PDB file of N, CA and C in Angstrom:
ATOM      1  N   MET A   1      99.425 102.002 125.412  1.00  0.00           N
ATOM      2  CA  MET A   1      98.344 102.467 125.394  1.00  0.00           C
ATOM      3  C   MET A   1      99.777 103.913 124.651  1.00  0.00           C
ATOM      4  N   SER A   2      98.970 104.976 123.435  1.00  0.00           N
ATOM      5  CA  SER A   2      99.456 106.121 123.262  1.00  0.00           C
ATOM      6  C   SER A   2      98.291 107.250 122.951  1.00  0.00           C
ATOM      7  N   PHE A   3      98.855 108.158 123.223  1.00  0.00           N
ATOM      8  CA  PHE A   3      98.102 109.287 123.286  1.00  0.00           C
ATOM      9  C   PHE A   3      97.971 110.585 121.804  1.00  0.00           C
ATOM     10  N   GLY A   4      97.555 110.977 121.292  1.00  0.00           N
ATOM     11  CA  GLY A   4      97.129 111.511 120.090  1.00  0.00           C
ATOM     12  C   GLY A   4      96.463 113.036 120.803  1.00  0.00           C
ATOM     13  N   PHE A   5      96.588 113.994 119.591  1.00  0.00           N
ATOM     14  CA  PHE A   5      96.152 115.544 119.592  1.00  0.00           C
ATOM     15  C   PHE A   5      95.175 115.752 118.157  1.00  0.00           C
ATOM     16  N   ARG A   6      94.327 116.017 118.429  1.00  0.00           N
ATOM     17  CA  ARG A   6      93.471 116.671 117.368  1.00  0.00           C
ATOM     18  C   ARG A   6      92.302 117.640 118.005  1.00  0.00           C
ATOM     19  N   LYS A   7      92.548 118.934 117.518  1.00  0.00           N
ATOM     20  CA  LYS A   7      91.841 119.797 117.523  1.00  0.00           C
ATOM     21  C   LYS A   7      90.551 120.176 116.264  1.00  0.00           C
ATOM     22  N   SER A   8      89.639 120.811 116.511  1.00  0.00           N
ATOM     23  CA  SER A   8      89.039 121.448 114.823  1.00  0.00           C
ATOM     24  C   SER A   8      88.376 122.300 115.322  1.00  0.00           C
ATOM     25  N   PHE A   9      87.825 123.218 114.278  1.00  0.00           N
ATOM     26  CA  PHE A   9      87.182 124.366 114.227  1.00  0.00           C
ATOM     27  C   PHE A   9      86.157 124.800 113.173  1.00  0.00           C
ATOM     28  N   SER A  10      84.922 124.791 113.650  1.00  0.00           N
ATOM     29  CA  SER A  10      83.806 124.673 112.561  1.00  0.00           C
ATOM     30  C   SER A  10      83.360 125.952 112.729  1.00  0.00           C
ATOM     31  N   SER A  11      82.961 126.457 111.023  1.00  0.00           N
ATOM     32  CA  SER A  11      81.779 127.245 111.095  1.00  0.00           C
ATOM     33  C   SER A  11      80.832 127.478 109.722  1.00  0.00           C
ATOM     34  N   GLY A  12      79.816 127.282 110.016  1.00  0.00           N
ATOM     35  CA  GLY A  12      78.785 126.422 108.964  1.00  0.00           C
ATOM     36  C   GLY A  12      79.054 125.421 108.814  1.00  0.00           C
ATOM     37  N   PRO A  13      78.734 124.909 107.163  1.00  0.00           N
ATOM     38  CA  PRO A  13      79.028 123.179 106.644  1.00  0.00           C
ATOM     39  C   PRO A  13      80.534 123.327 106.874  1.00  0.00           C
ATOM     40  N   PHE A  14      81.397 124.486 107.019  1.00  0.00           N
ATOM     41  CA  PHE A  14      82.770 123.745 106.850  1.00  0.00           C
ATOM     42  C   PHE A  14      83.798 123.458 108.348  1.00  0.00           C
ATOM     43  N   ARG A  15      85.234 122.849 107.947  1.00  0.00           N
ATOM     44  CA  ARG A  15      85.105 122.159 109.276  1.00  0.00           C
ATOM     45  C   ARG A  15      86.970 122.029 108.998  1.00  0.00           C
ATOM     46  N   MET A  16      87.577 122.620 109.547  1.00  0.00           N
ATOM     47  CA  MET A  16      89.321 122.785 110.108  1.00  0.00           C
ATOM     48  C   MET A  16      89.482 122.095 111.163  1.00  0.00           C
ATOM     49  N   THR A  17      90.702 120.996 110.452  1.00  0.00           N
ATOM     50  CA  THR A  17      91.098 120.094 111.798  1.00  0.00           C
ATOM     51  C   THR A  17      92.430 119.937 111.707  1.00  0.00           C
ATOM     52  N   PHE A  18      92.861 119.967 113.148  1.00  0.00           N
ATOM     53  CA  PHE A  18      94.309 120.058 113.239  1.00  0.00           C
ATOM     54  C   PHE A  18      95.063 118.901 114.184  1.00  0.00           C
ATOM     55  N   SER A  19      95.841 117.977 113.761  1.00  0.00           N
ATOM     56  CA  SER A  19      96.253 116.830 114.221  1.00  0.00           C
ATOM     57  C   SER A  19      97.863 116.953 113.887  1.00  0.00           C
ATOM     58  N   LYS A  20      98.342 115.682 114.397  1.00  0.00           N
ATOM     59  CA  LYS A  20      99.795 115.020 114.534  1.00  0.00           C
ATOM     60  C   LYS A  20     100.253 114.805 112.849  1.00  0.00           C
ATOM     61  N   SER A  21      99.005 114.110 112.194  1.00  0.00           N
ATOM     62  CA  SER A  21      99.116 113.880 111.046  1.00  0.00           C
ATOM     63  C   SER A  21      99.369 115.006 109.748  1.00  0.00           C
ATOM     64  N   GLY A  22      98.602 116.188 110.121  1.00  0.00           N
ATOM     65  CA  GLY A  22      98.625 117.218 109.526  1.00  0.00           C
ATOM     66  C   GLY A  22      96.829 118.092 109.653  1.00  0.00           C
ATOM     67  N   ILE A  23      96.842 119.109 108.271  1.00  0.00           N
ATOM     68  CA  ILE A  23      95.874 119.637 108.595  1.00  0.00           C
ATOM     69  C   ILE A  23      94.733 119.266 107.515  1.00  0.00           C
ATOM     70  N   SER A  24      93.495 118.979 107.747  1.00  0.00           N
ATOM     71  CA  SER A  24      92.531 118.760 106.958  1.00  0.00           C
ATOM     72  C   SER A  24      91.111 118.939 106.700  1.00  0.00           C
ATOM     73  N   LEU A  25      90.412 119.530 105.781  1.00  0.00           N
ATOM     74  CA  LEU A  25      89.910 120.425 105.297  1.00  0.00           C
ATOM     75  C   LEU A  25      88.095 119.724 105.166  1.00  0.00           C
ATOM     76  N   SER A  26      87.020 120.419 105.414  1.00  0.00           N
ATOM     77  CA  SER A  26      86.006 119.087 105.144  1.00  0.00           C
ATOM     78  C   SER A  26      85.001 120.034 105.406  1.00  0.00           C
ATOM     79  N   ALA A  27      84.030 119.608 104.635  1.00  0.00           N
ATOM     80  CA  ALA A  27      82.763 120.589 104.256  1.00  0.00           C
ATOM     81  C   ALA A  27      81.270 119.428 103.750  1.00  0.00           C
ATOM     82  N   GLY A  28      79.724 119.658 104.370  1.00  0.00           N
ATOM     83  CA  GLY A  28      79.185 118.603 104.241  1.00  0.00           C
ATOM     84  C   GLY A  28      77.829 119.301 105.214  1.00  0.00           C
ATOM     85  N   ALA A  29      76.697 118.792 104.948  1.00  0.00           N
ATOM     86  CA  ALA A  29      75.636 118.909 105.454  1.00  0.00           C
ATOM     87  C   ALA A  29      74.813 117.258 105.790  1.00  0.00           C
ATOM     88  N   GLY A  30      74.335 117.161 107.150  1.00  0.00           N
ATOM     89  CA  GLY A  30      72.829 116.092 106.642  1.00  0.00           C
ATOM     90  C   GLY A  30      73.642 114.582 106.338  1.00  0.00           C
ATOM     91  N   GLY A  31      74.671 114.417 107.003  1.00  0.00           N
ATOM     92  CA  GLY A  31      75.261 113.199 106.930  1.00  0.00           C
ATOM     93  C   GLY A  31      76.165 113.069 105.764  1.00  0.00           C
ATOM     94  N   THR A  32      76.368 113.648 104.920  1.00  0.00           N
ATOM     95  CA  THR A  32      77.358 113.770 103.852  1.00  0.00           C
ATOM     96  C   THR A  32      78.445 114.554 104.055  1.00  0.00           C
ATOM     97  N   ARG A  33      79.875 113.970 103.806  1.00  0.00           N
ATOM     98  CA  ARG A  33      81.181 114.959 103.860  1.00  0.00           C
ATOM     99  C   ARG A  33      82.013 114.656 103.282  1.00  0.00           C
ATOM    100  N   LEU A  34      82.503 115.823 102.704  1.00  0.00           N
ATOM    101  CA  LEU A  34      83.723 115.379 101.722  1.00  0.00           C
ATOM    102  C   LEU A  34      84.980 116.246 102.426  1.00  0.00           C
ATOM    103  N   THR A  35      86.386 115.421 102.760  1.00  0.00           N
ATOM    104  CA  THR A  35      86.777 115.630 103.611  1.00  0.00           C
ATOM    105  C   THR A  35      88.515 115.576 102.499  1.00  0.00           C
ATOM    106  N   ALA A  36      89.277 116.639 102.257  1.00  0.00           N
ATOM    107  CA  ALA A  36      90.925 116.744 102.009  1.00  0.00           C
ATOM    108  C   ALA A  36      91.825 116.719 102.969  1.00  0.00           C
ATOM    109  N   GLY A  37      92.633 115.836 103.164  1.00  0.00           N
ATOM    110  CA  GLY A  37      93.475 115.763 104.026  1.00  0.00           C
ATOM    111  C   GLY A  37      94.754 115.442 103.545  1.00  0.00           C
ATOM    112  N   PRO A  38      96.166 115.160 104.570  1.00  0.00           N
ATOM    113  CA  PRO A  38      97.212 114.311 104.469  1.00  0.00           C
ATOM    114  C   PRO A  38      97.411 113.050 103.707  1.00  0.00           C
ATOM    115  N   ARG A  39      95.713 112.301 103.811  1.00  0.00           N
ATOM    116  CA  ARG A  39      95.787 110.946 103.795  1.00  0.00           C
ATOM    117  C   ARG A  39      95.010 111.021 102.574  1.00  0.00           C
ATOM    118  N   GLY A  40      94.767 111.800 101.711  1.00  0.00           N
ATOM    119  CA  GLY A  40      94.056 111.250 100.575  1.00  0.00           C
ATOM    120  C   GLY A  40      92.563 112.366 100.820  1.00  0.00           C
ATOM    121  N   THR A  41      91.717 112.248  99.719  1.00  0.00           N
ATOM    122  CA  THR A  41      90.433 112.404  99.888  1.00  0.00           C
ATOM    123  C   THR A  41      89.492 111.801  99.645  1.00  0.00           C
ATOM    124  N   HIS A  42      88.941 111.926 100.892  1.00  0.00           N
ATOM    125  CA  HIS A  42      87.477 110.937 100.962  1.00  0.00           C
ATOM    126  C   HIS A  42      86.008 111.683 101.256  1.00  0.00           C
ATOM    127  N   VAL A  43      84.927 111.137 100.787  1.00  0.00           N
ATOM    128  CA  VAL A  43      83.561 111.181 100.899  1.00  0.00           C
ATOM    129  C   VAL A  43      82.989 110.288 101.914  1.00  0.00           C
ATOM    130  N   SER A  44      81.965 110.785 102.966  1.00  0.00           N
ATOM    131  CA  SER A  44      81.699 109.574 103.926  1.00  0.00           C
ATOM    132  C   SER A  44      80.114 110.026 104.202  1.00  0.00           C
ATOM    133  N   PHE A  45      79.138 109.629 104.185  1.00  0.00           N
ATOM    134  CA  PHE A  45      77.637 109.478 104.491  1.00  0.00           C
ATOM    135  C   PHE A  45      77.388 108.686 105.462  1.00  0.00           C
ATOM    136  N   SER A  46      76.506 109.250 106.497  1.00  0.00           N
ATOM    137  CA  SER A  46      75.993 108.579 107.641  1.00  0.00           C
ATOM    138  C   SER A  46      74.784 108.768 107.640  1.00  0.00           C
ATOM    139  N   LYS A  47      74.067 107.893 108.220  1.00  0.00           N
ATOM    140  CA  LYS A  47      72.370 107.993 108.831  1.00  0.00           C
ATOM    141  C   LYS A  47      72.236 106.419 109.886  1.00  0.00           C
ATOM    142  N   GLY A  48      71.563 107.054 110.733  1.00  0.00           N
ATOM    143  CA  GLY A  48      71.138 106.372 111.517  1.00  0.00           C
ATOM    144  C   GLY A  48      71.757 105.005 112.061  1.00  0.00           C
ATOM    145  N   GLY A  49      73.233 106.033 112.758  1.00  0.00           N
ATOM    146  CA  GLY A  49      74.124 105.098 113.217  1.00  0.00           C
ATOM    147  C   GLY A  49      74.824 104.319 112.004  1.00  0.00           C
ATOM    148  N   PHE A  50      74.487 104.384 110.815  1.00  0.00           N
ATOM    149  CA  PHE A  50      75.286 103.423 109.762  1.00  0.00           C
ATOM    150  C   PHE A  50      75.933 104.476 108.986  1.00  0.00           C
ATOM    151  N   SER A  51      77.567 103.793 108.448  1.00  0.00           N
ATOM    152  CA  SER A  51      78.228 105.080 108.212  1.00  0.00           C
ATOM    153  C   SER A  51      78.773 104.121 106.634  1.00  0.00           C
ATOM    154  N   TYR A  52      79.123 105.265 105.840  1.00  0.00           N
ATOM    155  CA  TYR A  52      79.862 104.719 104.840  1.00  0.00           C
ATOM    156  C   TYR A  52      81.085 105.261 104.653  1.00  0.00           C
ATOM    157  N   ARG A  53      82.486 104.790 104.418  1.00  0.00           N
ATOM    158  CA  ARG A  53      83.542 106.014 103.571  1.00  0.00           C
ATOM    159  C   ARG A  53      84.539 105.590 102.651  1.00  0.00           C
ATOM    160  N   THR A  54      84.656 106.286 101.654  1.00  0.00           N
ATOM    161  CA  THR A  54      85.456 105.669 100.711  1.00  0.00           C
ATOM    162  C   THR A  54      86.513 106.978 100.169  1.00  0.00           C
ATOM    163  N   ARG A  55      87.258 106.287  99.184  1.00  0.00           N
ATOM    164  CA  ARG A  55      88.692 107.277  98.741  1.00  0.00           C
ATOM    165  C   ARG A  55      87.619 107.568  97.414  1.00  0.00           C
ATOM    166  N   VAL A  56      88.378 108.909  96.981  1.00  0.00           N
ATOM    167  CA  VAL A  56      87.964 109.480  95.889  1.00  0.00           C
ATOM    168  C   VAL A  56      88.972 109.937  94.670  1.00  0.00           C
ATOM    169  N   ASP A  57      90.123 109.957  95.424  1.00  0.00           N
ATOM    170  CA  ASP A  57      91.057 110.399  94.316  1.00  0.00           C
ATOM    171  C   ASP A  57      91.699 108.497  94.284  1.00  0.00           C
ATOM    172  N   THR A  58      92.983 108.841  93.344  1.00  0.00           N
ATOM    173  CA  THR A  58      93.730 107.937  93.277  1.00  0.00           C
ATOM    174  C   THR A  58      94.753 108.269  94.425  1.00  0.00           C
ATOM    175  N   PRO A  59      95.585 107.116  94.947  1.00  0.00           N
ATOM    176  CA  PRO A  59      96.640 107.087  95.159  1.00  0.00           C
ATOM    177  C   PRO A  59      97.907 107.973  94.279  1.00  0.00           C
ATOM    178  N   GLY A  60      98.193 108.551  94.914  1.00  0.00           N
ATOM    179  CA  GLY A  60      99.624 109.449  94.307  1.00  0.00           C
ATOM    180  C   GLY A  60     100.639 108.883  93.927  1.00  0.00           C
ATOM    181  N   ARG A  61     101.626 108.386  92.856  1.00  0.00           N
ATOM    182  CA  ARG A  61     102.791 107.790  92.879  1.00  0.00           C
ATOM    183  C   ARG A  61     104.155 108.670  92.425  1.00  0.00           C
ATOM    184  N   ASN A  62     104.682 108.533  93.674  1.00  0.00           N
ATOM    185  CA  ASN A  62     106.166 109.270  93.139  1.00  0.00           C
ATOM    186  C   ASN A  62     106.635 108.939  92.082  1.00  0.00           C
ATOM    187  N   PRO A  63     106.930 109.612  91.005  1.00  0.00           N
ATOM    188  CA  PRO A  63     107.702 109.124  89.734  1.00  0.00           C
ATOM    189  C   PRO A  63     109.268 108.588  90.233  1.00  0.00           C
ATOM    190  N   ILE A  64     109.740 109.631  90.950  1.00  0.00           N
ATOM    191  CA  ILE A  64     111.207 109.669  90.951  1.00  0.00           C
ATOM    192  C   ILE A  64     111.322 108.246  92.363  1.00  0.00           C
ATOM    193  N   ALA A  65     110.782 108.250  93.228  1.00  0.00           N
ATOM    194  CA  ALA A  65     110.814 107.048  93.823  1.00  0.00           C
ATOM    195  C   ALA A  65     110.504 105.577  93.417  1.00  0.00           C
ATOM    196  N   SER A  66     109.988 105.169  92.219  1.00  0.00           N
ATOM    197  CA  SER A  66     109.578 104.294  91.773  1.00  0.00           C
ATOM    198  C   SER A  66     110.302 103.675  90.739  1.00  0.00           C
ATOM    199  N   GLN A  67     111.096 104.760  89.907  1.00  0.00           N
ATOM    200  CA  GLN A  67     112.272 104.742  89.248  1.00  0.00           C
ATOM    201  C   GLN A  67     113.469 103.689  89.546  1.00  0.00           C
ATOM    202  N   PRO A  68     114.025 102.629  89.308  1.00  0.00           N
ATOM    203  CA  PRO A  68     115.624 101.799  90.111  1.00  0.00           C
ATOM    204  C   PRO A  68     116.540 102.551  89.587  1.00  0.00           C
ATOM    205  N   THR A  69     116.869 103.032  90.856  1.00  0.00           N
ATOM    206  CA  THR A  69     118.348 103.183  90.440  1.00  0.00           C
ATOM    207  C   THR A  69     119.465 102.751  90.064  1.00  0.00           C
ATOM    208  N   PRO A  70     120.066 103.817  88.878  1.00  0.00           N
ATOM    209  CA  PRO A  70     120.956 103.292  88.104  1.00  0.00           C
ATOM    210  C   PRO A  70     122.218 102.721  88.469  1.00  0.00           C
ATOM    211  N   ARG A  71     122.453 101.269  87.948  1.00  0.00           N
ATOM    212  CA  ARG A  71     123.725 100.873  88.115  1.00  0.00           C
ATOM    213  C   ARG A  71     124.860 101.563  87.689  1.00  0.00           C
ATOM    214  N   GLN A  72     126.054 101.771  88.644  1.00  0.00           N
ATOM    215  CA  GLN A  72     127.094 101.662  87.988  1.00  0.00           C
ATOM    216  C   GLN A  72     127.928 101.178  87.230  1.00  0.00           C
ATOM    217  N   GLN A  73     128.500 100.847  85.761  1.00  0.00           N
ATOM    218  CA  GLN A  73     128.856  99.948  85.628  1.00  0.00           C
ATOM    219  C   GLN A  73     130.406  99.684  85.883  1.00  0.00           C
ATOM    220  N   GLU A  74     131.183  98.863  85.625  1.00  0.00           N
ATOM    221  CA  GLU A  74     132.590  98.930  86.033  1.00  0.00           C
ATOM    222  C   GLU A  74     133.158  98.889  84.431  1.00  0.00           C
ATOM    223  N   PRO A  75     134.042  99.120  83.897  1.00  0.00           N
ATOM    224  CA  PRO A  75     135.021  99.058  83.057  1.00  0.00           C
ATOM    225  C   PRO A  75     134.877  97.747  82.405  1.00  0.00           C
ATOM    226  N   THR A  76     135.000  98.031  80.859  1.00  0.00           N
ATOM    227  CA  THR A  76     134.913  96.910  80.404  1.00  0.00           C
ATOM    228  C   THR A  76     136.423  96.214  80.229  1.00  0.00           C
ATOM    229  N   GLU A  77     137.479  97.220  79.633  1.00  0.00           N
ATOM    230  CA  GLU A  77     138.787  97.246  79.423  1.00  0.00           C
ATOM    231  C   GLU A  77     139.250  97.350  80.393  1.00  0.00           C
ATOM    232  N   ARG A  78     140.687  96.537  80.990  1.00  0.00           N
ATOM    233  CA  ARG A  78     141.363  96.831  82.036  1.00  0.00           C
ATOM    234  C   ARG A  78     142.559  97.751  81.297  1.00  0.00           C
ATOM    235  N   PRO A  79     143.277  98.050  82.354  1.00  0.00           N
ATOM    236  CA  PRO A  79     144.301  99.415  81.727  1.00  0.00           C
ATOM    237  C   PRO A  79     145.605  98.028  81.240  1.00  0.00           C
ATOM    238  N   ALA A  80     146.135  98.365  80.144  1.00  0.00           N
ATOM    239  CA  ALA A  80     147.217  97.460  80.104  1.00  0.00           C
ATOM    240  C   ALA A  80     148.560  97.712  81.074  1.00  0.00           C
ATOM    241  N   ARG A  81     148.980  96.431  81.508  1.00  0.00           N
ATOM    242  CA  ARG A  81     150.191  96.244  82.343  1.00  0.00           C
ATOM    243  C   ARG A  81     151.034  96.397  81.589  1.00  0.00           C
ATOM    244  N   GLN A  82     152.283  97.907  82.375  1.00  0.00           N
ATOM    245  CA  GLN A  82     153.020  98.063  81.579  1.00  0.00           C
ATOM    246  C   GLN A  82     154.886  97.151  82.297  1.00  0.00           C
TER     247      GLN A  82
END
């Protein structure tokens, strides 16, 4: 079993949460909430014990990490032997 840490502060419809994975901000009222944090942006709805959550942003791609690393080509000509 592992332990975690999470602390949140609320003011009106806004909430700021500090956890091991980072800081997230959320806003909402009446069972609807929009959350932005290190795992993306989500919208959630809940009513009467039922809930629904979906991601509203597309996962970002790191263009540098997705490019293959160029291989160093070996020289095609060999130096002449003397």
